[in-house]
């Protein structure tokens, strides 16, 4: 499942990129994540949750299913809406801004679950955000995105008696929020759409 904000996201890049550039960059980031998901063989079971019809149309063209929100109500609500729509017993939540993530990274997170972990959490570089969350949908895990979520998700899962695995694969840990992240992506050497865009932006 991939929750995506509507047009106007990536506000921390305002002043560094124009609104049009931020919208274009956001779509490229999403396409990179969809590439990784498709490469892991999960395109048909991928749900993109957004209030932006353009985002949902892009997802549909890539073989993913769309879940329409009435408005941006936050990541927690979007994940819950997606989980209800999917009816899945186990959910993998991925942000839409992981330009270095590969299909191998996606498979590695799922493998931890298959090997016996009830939940798997991948942190952001700063170990405050959650860049991948695999969990049993019916367990009642308390979602805590945008609020020191990595540690809160670990605590919630452990408090429920779930076994928890942590993935620190570099491709998952880098998300793009700030101009520093954007500059780091430009120097990464990655061939992803978003990386190529960032290099053009830094030229």
C-alpha atoms as a PDB file:
ATOM      1  CA  UNK A   1       0.000   0.000   0.000  1.00  0.00           C
ATOM      2  CA  UNK A   2       1.277   3.454  -0.962  1.00  0.00           C
ATOM      3  CA  UNK A   3      -0.390   6.540   0.559  1.00  0.00           C
ATOM      4  CA  UNK A   4       0.146   9.642  -1.592  1.00  0.00           C
ATOM      5  CA  UNK A   5      -0.649  13.266  -0.787  1.00  0.00           C
ATOM      6  CA  UNK A   6      -2.509  15.302  -3.379  1.00  0.00           C
ATOM      7  CA  UNK A   7      -0.883  17.935  -5.558  1.00  0.00           C
ATOM      8  CA  UNK A   8       0.980  20.444  -3.439  1.00  0.00           C
ATOM      9  CA  UNK A   9       3.113  17.986  -1.521  1.00  0.00           C
ATOM     10  CA  UNK A  10       6.833  18.247  -0.810  1.00  0.00           C
ATOM     11  CA  UNK A  11       6.279  21.659   0.760  1.00  0.00           C
ATOM     12  CA  UNK A  12       9.722  21.597   2.398  1.00  0.00           C
ATOM     13  CA  UNK A  13      11.194  21.869  -1.099  1.00  0.00           C
ATOM     14  CA  UNK A  14       9.324  25.138  -1.715  1.00  0.00           C
ATOM     15  CA  UNK A  15      11.791  27.882  -2.508  1.00  0.00           C
ATOM     16  CA  UNK A  16      14.095  25.251  -3.948  1.00  0.00           C
ATOM     17  CA  UNK A  17      11.692  23.889  -6.574  1.00  0.00           C
ATOM     18  CA  UNK A  18       8.619  25.533  -8.082  1.00  0.00           C
ATOM     19  CA  UNK A  19       5.180  24.061  -7.415  1.00  0.00           C
ATOM     20  CA  UNK A  20       5.112  22.573 -10.911  1.00  0.00           C
ATOM     21  CA  UNK A  21       8.548  21.039 -10.391  1.00  0.00           C
ATOM     22  CA  UNK A  22       7.516  19.613  -7.009  1.00  0.00           C
ATOM     23  CA  UNK A  23       4.423  18.025  -8.548  1.00  0.00           C
ATOM     24  CA  UNK A  24       6.495  16.510 -11.360  1.00  0.00           C
ATOM     25  CA  UNK A  25       9.115  15.284  -8.891  1.00  0.00           C
ATOM     26  CA  UNK A  26       6.456  13.716  -6.660  1.00  0.00           C
ATOM     27  CA  UNK A  27       5.041  11.743  -9.584  1.00  0.00           C
ATOM     28  CA  UNK A  28       8.513  10.513 -10.530  1.00  0.00           C
ATOM     29  CA  UNK A  29       9.116   9.405  -6.947  1.00  0.00           C
ATOM     30  CA  UNK A  30       5.851   7.465  -7.002  1.00  0.00           C
ATOM     31  CA  UNK A  31       6.746   5.832 -10.311  1.00  0.00           C
ATOM     32  CA  UNK A  32      10.088   4.719  -8.872  1.00  0.00           C
ATOM     33  CA  UNK A  33       8.299   3.072  -5.945  1.00  0.00           C
ATOM     34  CA  UNK A  34       5.792   1.434  -8.296  1.00  0.00           C
ATOM     35  CA  UNK A  35       8.722   0.111 -10.358  1.00  0.00           C
ATOM     36  CA  UNK A  36      10.187  -1.552  -7.262  1.00  0.00           C
ATOM     37  CA  UNK A  37       6.821  -2.999  -6.269  1.00  0.00           C
ATOM     38  CA  UNK A  38       6.198  -4.338  -9.783  1.00  0.00           C
ATOM     39  CA  UNK A  39       9.692  -5.820  -9.907  1.00  0.00           C
ATOM     40  CA  UNK A  40       8.874  -7.716  -6.716  1.00  0.00           C
ATOM     41  CA  UNK A  41       5.811  -9.184  -8.423  1.00  0.00           C
ATOM     42  CA  UNK A  42       3.320  -7.190  -6.367  1.00  0.00           C
ATOM     43  CA  UNK A  43       1.778  -4.789  -8.897  1.00  0.00           C
ATOM     44  CA  UNK A  44      -1.592  -6.557  -8.918  1.00  0.00           C
ATOM     45  CA  UNK A  45      -1.867  -6.409  -5.121  1.00  0.00           C
ATOM     46  CA  UNK A  46      -0.643  -2.807  -4.825  1.00  0.00           C
ATOM     47  CA  UNK A  47      -3.091  -0.173  -3.554  1.00  0.00           C
ATOM     48  CA  UNK A  48      -2.380   3.548  -3.987  1.00  0.00           C
ATOM     49  CA  UNK A  49      -4.411   5.725  -1.604  1.00  0.00           C
ATOM     50  CA  UNK A  50      -4.887   9.370  -2.564  1.00  0.00           C
ATOM     51  CA  UNK A  51      -7.436  12.144  -3.006  1.00  0.00           C
ATOM     52  CA  UNK A  52      -5.687  13.177  -6.251  1.00  0.00           C
ATOM     53  CA  UNK A  53      -7.382  11.677  -9.314  1.00  0.00           C
ATOM     54  CA  UNK A  54      -4.256  12.253 -11.384  1.00  0.00           C
ATOM     55  CA  UNK A  55      -2.231  10.138  -8.962  1.00  0.00           C
ATOM     56  CA  UNK A  56      -4.847   7.373  -9.052  1.00  0.00           C
ATOM     57  CA  UNK A  57      -4.885   7.428 -12.853  1.00  0.00           C
ATOM     58  CA  UNK A  58      -1.091   7.131 -12.918  1.00  0.00           C
ATOM     59  CA  UNK A  59      -1.293   4.182 -10.515  1.00  0.00           C
ATOM     60  CA  UNK A  60      -3.933   2.463 -12.655  1.00  0.00           C
ATOM     61  CA  UNK A  61      -1.760   2.780 -15.758  1.00  0.00           C
ATOM     62  CA  UNK A  62       0.988   0.999 -13.823  1.00  0.00           C
ATOM     63  CA  UNK A  63      -1.289  -1.867 -12.832  1.00  0.00           C
ATOM     64  CA  UNK A  64      -1.980  -0.758  -9.258  1.00  0.00           C
ATOM     65  CA  UNK A  65      -5.412  -0.292  -7.705  1.00  0.00           C
ATOM     66  CA  UNK A  66      -6.591   3.094  -6.496  1.00  0.00           C
ATOM     67  CA  UNK A  67      -8.364   3.986  -3.272  1.00  0.00           C
ATOM     68  CA  UNK A  68     -10.025   7.424  -3.507  1.00  0.00           C
ATOM     69  CA  UNK A  69      -9.906   9.649  -0.430  1.00  0.00           C
ATOM     70  CA  UNK A  70     -12.184  12.655  -0.102  1.00  0.00           C
ATOM     71  CA  UNK A  71      -9.280  14.790   1.087  1.00  0.00           C
ATOM     72  CA  UNK A  72      -5.814  14.590   2.604  1.00  0.00           C
ATOM     73  CA  UNK A  73      -6.599  13.419   6.132  1.00  0.00           C
ATOM     74  CA  UNK A  74      -3.098  12.217   6.986  1.00  0.00           C
ATOM     75  CA  UNK A  75      -1.070   9.082   6.479  1.00  0.00           C
ATOM     76  CA  UNK A  76      -2.641   7.163   9.370  1.00  0.00           C
ATOM     77  CA  UNK A  77      -6.158   7.555   7.971  1.00  0.00           C
ATOM     78  CA  UNK A  78      -4.946   6.779   4.447  1.00  0.00           C
ATOM     79  CA  UNK A  79      -3.317   3.536   5.574  1.00  0.00           C
ATOM     80  CA  UNK A  80      -6.431   2.484   7.467  1.00  0.00           C
ATOM     81  CA  UNK A  81      -8.597   3.253   4.415  1.00  0.00           C
ATOM     82  CA  UNK A  82      -6.294   1.257   2.189  1.00  0.00           C
ATOM     83  CA  UNK A  83      -6.240  -1.697   4.575  1.00  0.00           C
ATOM     84  CA  UNK A  84     -10.039  -1.778   4.636  1.00  0.00           C
ATOM     85  CA  UNK A  85     -10.254  -1.569   0.853  1.00  0.00           C
ATOM     86  CA  UNK A  86      -7.683  -4.300   0.296  1.00  0.00           C
ATOM     87  CA  UNK A  87      -9.160  -6.819   2.708  1.00  0.00           C
ATOM     88  CA  UNK A  88      -5.637  -8.202   3.090  1.00  0.00           C
ATOM     89  CA  UNK A  89      -4.543 -10.173   6.142  1.00  0.00           C
ATOM     90  CA  UNK A  90      -1.059  -8.649   5.971  1.00  0.00           C
ATOM     91  CA  UNK A  91      -0.218  -5.139   4.805  1.00  0.00           C
ATOM     92  CA  UNK A  92       3.052  -3.617   3.605  1.00  0.00           C
ATOM     93  CA  UNK A  93       3.005   0.184   3.729  1.00  0.00           C
ATOM     94  CA  UNK A  94       5.561   2.073   1.648  1.00  0.00           C
ATOM     95  CA  UNK A  95       5.889   5.861   1.321  1.00  0.00           C
ATOM     96  CA  UNK A  96       5.768   7.294  -2.190  1.00  0.00           C
ATOM     97  CA  UNK A  97       9.205   8.936  -1.940  1.00  0.00           C
ATOM     98  CA  UNK A  98      11.818   6.163  -1.801  1.00  0.00           C
ATOM     99  CA  UNK A  99      13.795   6.762  -5.017  1.00  0.00           C
ATOM    100  CA  UNK A 100      16.599   4.297  -4.221  1.00  0.00           C
ATOM    101  CA  UNK A 101      14.375   1.381  -3.231  1.00  0.00           C
ATOM    102  CA  UNK A 102      14.696  -1.713  -5.417  1.00  0.00           C
ATOM    103  CA  UNK A 103      12.536  -4.794  -5.860  1.00  0.00           C
ATOM    104  CA  UNK A 104      15.151  -6.697  -3.838  1.00  0.00           C
ATOM    105  CA  UNK A 105      14.544  -4.296  -0.944  1.00  0.00           C
ATOM    106  CA  UNK A 106      10.802  -4.956  -1.113  1.00  0.00           C
ATOM    107  CA  UNK A 107      11.323  -8.708  -1.223  1.00  0.00           C
ATOM    108  CA  UNK A 108      13.733  -8.539   1.725  1.00  0.00           C
ATOM    109  CA  UNK A 109      11.138  -6.869   3.953  1.00  0.00           C
ATOM    110  CA  UNK A 110       8.523  -9.454   3.012  1.00  0.00           C
ATOM    111  CA  UNK A 111      11.037 -12.254   3.561  1.00  0.00           C
ATOM    112  CA  UNK A 112      11.514 -11.167   7.175  1.00  0.00           C
ATOM    113  CA  UNK A 113       7.782 -11.608   7.660  1.00  0.00           C
ATOM    114  CA  UNK A 114       7.783 -14.943   5.881  1.00  0.00           C
ATOM    115  CA  UNK A 115      10.629 -16.118   8.111  1.00  0.00           C
ATOM    116  CA  UNK A 116       8.554 -15.623  11.244  1.00  0.00           C
ATOM    117  CA  UNK A 117       8.400 -11.941  12.122  1.00  0.00           C
ATOM    118  CA  UNK A 118       4.848 -10.783  12.854  1.00  0.00           C
ATOM    119  CA  UNK A 119       5.785  -7.209  11.923  1.00  0.00           C
ATOM    120  CA  UNK A 120       8.697  -5.582  10.100  1.00  0.00           C
ATOM    121  CA  UNK A 121       9.679  -1.915  10.375  1.00  0.00           C
ATOM    122  CA  UNK A 122      12.250  -0.034   8.296  1.00  0.00           C
ATOM    123  CA  UNK A 123      13.370   3.345   9.673  1.00  0.00           C
ATOM    124  CA  UNK A 124      14.289   6.521   7.850  1.00  0.00           C
ATOM    125  CA  UNK A 125      17.933   7.630   7.858  1.00  0.00           C
ATOM    126  CA  UNK A 126      17.332   9.662  11.028  1.00  0.00           C
ATOM    127  CA  UNK A 127      15.566   6.721  12.714  1.00  0.00           C
ATOM    128  CA  UNK A 128      12.475   8.826  13.354  1.00  0.00           C
ATOM    129  CA  UNK A 129      10.213   8.057  10.384  1.00  0.00           C
ATOM    130  CA  UNK A 130       8.896   4.713   9.113  1.00  0.00           C
ATOM    131  CA  UNK A 131       9.885   3.918   5.527  1.00  0.00           C
ATOM    132  CA  UNK A 132       8.366   0.431   5.424  1.00  0.00           C
ATOM    133  CA  UNK A 133       5.841  -1.202   7.714  1.00  0.00           C
ATOM    134  CA  UNK A 134       4.705  -4.806   7.324  1.00  0.00           C
ATOM    135  CA  UNK A 135       2.044  -5.831   9.808  1.00  0.00           C
ATOM    136  CA  UNK A 136      -0.976  -8.118  10.281  1.00  0.00           C
ATOM    137  CA  UNK A 137      -4.008  -6.036   9.356  1.00  0.00           C
ATOM    138  CA  UNK A 138      -6.252  -7.428  12.056  1.00  0.00           C
ATOM    139  CA  UNK A 139      -3.797  -7.029  14.923  1.00  0.00           C
ATOM    140  CA  UNK A 140      -4.925  -3.527  15.881  1.00  0.00           C
ATOM    141  CA  UNK A 141      -1.456  -2.019  15.537  1.00  0.00           C
ATOM    142  CA  UNK A 142      -1.522   1.646  16.517  1.00  0.00           C
ATOM    143  CA  UNK A 143      -0.383   3.692  13.524  1.00  0.00           C
ATOM    144  CA  UNK A 144       1.775   6.675  14.363  1.00  0.00           C
ATOM    145  CA  UNK A 145       2.984   8.253  11.140  1.00  0.00           C
ATOM    146  CA  UNK A 146       4.358  11.812  11.323  1.00  0.00           C
ATOM    147  CA  UNK A 147       5.044  11.437  15.042  1.00  0.00           C
ATOM    148  CA  UNK A 148       8.423   9.754  15.689  1.00  0.00           C
ATOM    149  CA  UNK A 149       6.776   6.828  13.984  1.00  0.00           C
ATOM    150  CA  UNK A 150       9.652   4.336  13.850  1.00  0.00           C
ATOM    151  CA  UNK A 151      10.009   4.056  17.621  1.00  0.00           C
ATOM    152  CA  UNK A 152       6.259   4.281  18.184  1.00  0.00           C
ATOM    153  CA  UNK A 153       5.567   1.485  15.716  1.00  0.00           C
ATOM    154  CA  UNK A 154       8.221  -0.682  17.367  1.00  0.00           C
ATOM    155  CA  UNK A 155       6.736  -0.012  20.799  1.00  0.00           C
ATOM    156  CA  UNK A 156       3.183  -0.645  19.649  1.00  0.00           C
ATOM    157  CA  UNK A 157       4.064  -3.969  18.025  1.00  0.00           C
ATOM    158  CA  UNK A 158       6.139  -5.115  20.986  1.00  0.00           C
ATOM    159  CA  UNK A 159       3.430  -4.051  23.413  1.00  0.00           C
ATOM    160  CA  UNK A 160       0.982  -6.273  21.574  1.00  0.00           C
ATOM    161  CA  UNK A 161       3.309  -9.233  21.877  1.00  0.00           C
ATOM    162  CA  UNK A 162       4.213  -9.269  18.178  1.00  0.00           C
ATOM    163  CA  UNK A 163       7.664 -10.373  17.097  1.00  0.00           C
ATOM    164  CA  UNK A 164       9.304  -7.491  15.224  1.00  0.00           C
ATOM    165  CA  UNK A 165      12.046  -7.416  12.625  1.00  0.00           C
ATOM    166  CA  UNK A 166      13.918  -4.263  11.605  1.00  0.00           C
ATOM    167  CA  UNK A 167      15.232  -3.696   8.092  1.00  0.00           C
ATOM    168  CA  UNK A 168      18.000  -1.150   7.587  1.00  0.00           C
ATOM    169  CA  UNK A 169      18.549  -1.644   3.882  1.00  0.00           C
ATOM    170  CA  UNK A 170      19.923   1.675   2.519  1.00  0.00           C
ATOM    171  CA  UNK A 171      17.552   1.761  -0.446  1.00  0.00           C
ATOM    172  CA  UNK A 172      14.560   1.903   1.857  1.00  0.00           C
ATOM    173  CA  UNK A 173      15.965   4.296   4.439  1.00  0.00           C
ATOM    174  CA  UNK A 174      16.352   7.325   2.149  1.00  0.00           C
ATOM    175  CA  UNK A 175      13.188   9.351   1.684  1.00  0.00           C
ATOM    176  CA  UNK A 176      13.124  12.848   0.193  1.00  0.00           C
ATOM    177  CA  UNK A 177      11.877  15.670   2.405  1.00  0.00           C
ATOM    178  CA  UNK A 178      14.413  18.488   2.346  1.00  0.00           C
ATOM    179  CA  UNK A 179      16.767  20.285  -0.081  1.00  0.00           C
ATOM    180  CA  UNK A 180      19.625  18.340   1.541  1.00  0.00           C
ATOM    181  CA  UNK A 181      17.868  15.069   0.679  1.00  0.00           C
ATOM    182  CA  UNK A 182      17.337  16.311  -2.885  1.00  0.00           C
ATOM    183  CA  UNK A 183      21.028  17.207  -3.250  1.00  0.00           C
ATOM    184  CA  UNK A 184      22.032  13.846  -1.803  1.00  0.00           C
ATOM    185  CA  UNK A 185      19.835  12.074  -4.325  1.00  0.00           C
ATOM    186  CA  UNK A 186      21.465  14.032  -7.151  1.00  0.00           C
ATOM    187  CA  UNK A 187      24.880  12.755  -6.096  1.00  0.00           C
ATOM    188  CA  UNK A 188      23.740   9.160  -5.515  1.00  0.00           C
ATOM    189  CA  UNK A 189      24.525   7.863  -8.988  1.00  0.00           C
ATOM    190  CA  UNK A 190      21.112   6.190  -9.127  1.00  0.00           C
ATOM    191  CA  UNK A 191      19.378   5.785 -12.488  1.00  0.00           C
ATOM    192  CA  UNK A 192      15.888   6.209 -11.022  1.00  0.00           C
ATOM    193  CA  UNK A 193      13.532   8.780 -12.533  1.00  0.00           C
ATOM    194  CA  UNK A 194      13.684  10.987  -9.453  1.00  0.00           C
ATOM    195  CA  UNK A 195      17.476  10.813  -9.293  1.00  0.00           C
ATOM    196  CA  UNK A 196      17.790  11.880 -12.913  1.00  0.00           C
ATOM    197  CA  UNK A 197      15.354  14.729 -12.225  1.00  0.00           C
ATOM    198  CA  UNK A 198      17.406  15.839  -9.202  1.00  0.00           C
ATOM    199  CA  UNK A 199      20.601  15.904 -11.237  1.00  0.00           C
ATOM    200  CA  UNK A 200      18.932  18.102 -13.843  1.00  0.00           C
ATOM    201  CA  UNK A 201      17.740  20.360 -11.036  1.00  0.00           C
ATOM    202  CA  UNK A 202      21.276  20.678  -9.663  1.00  0.00           C
ATOM    203  CA  UNK A 203      22.874  21.295 -13.054  1.00  0.00           C
END
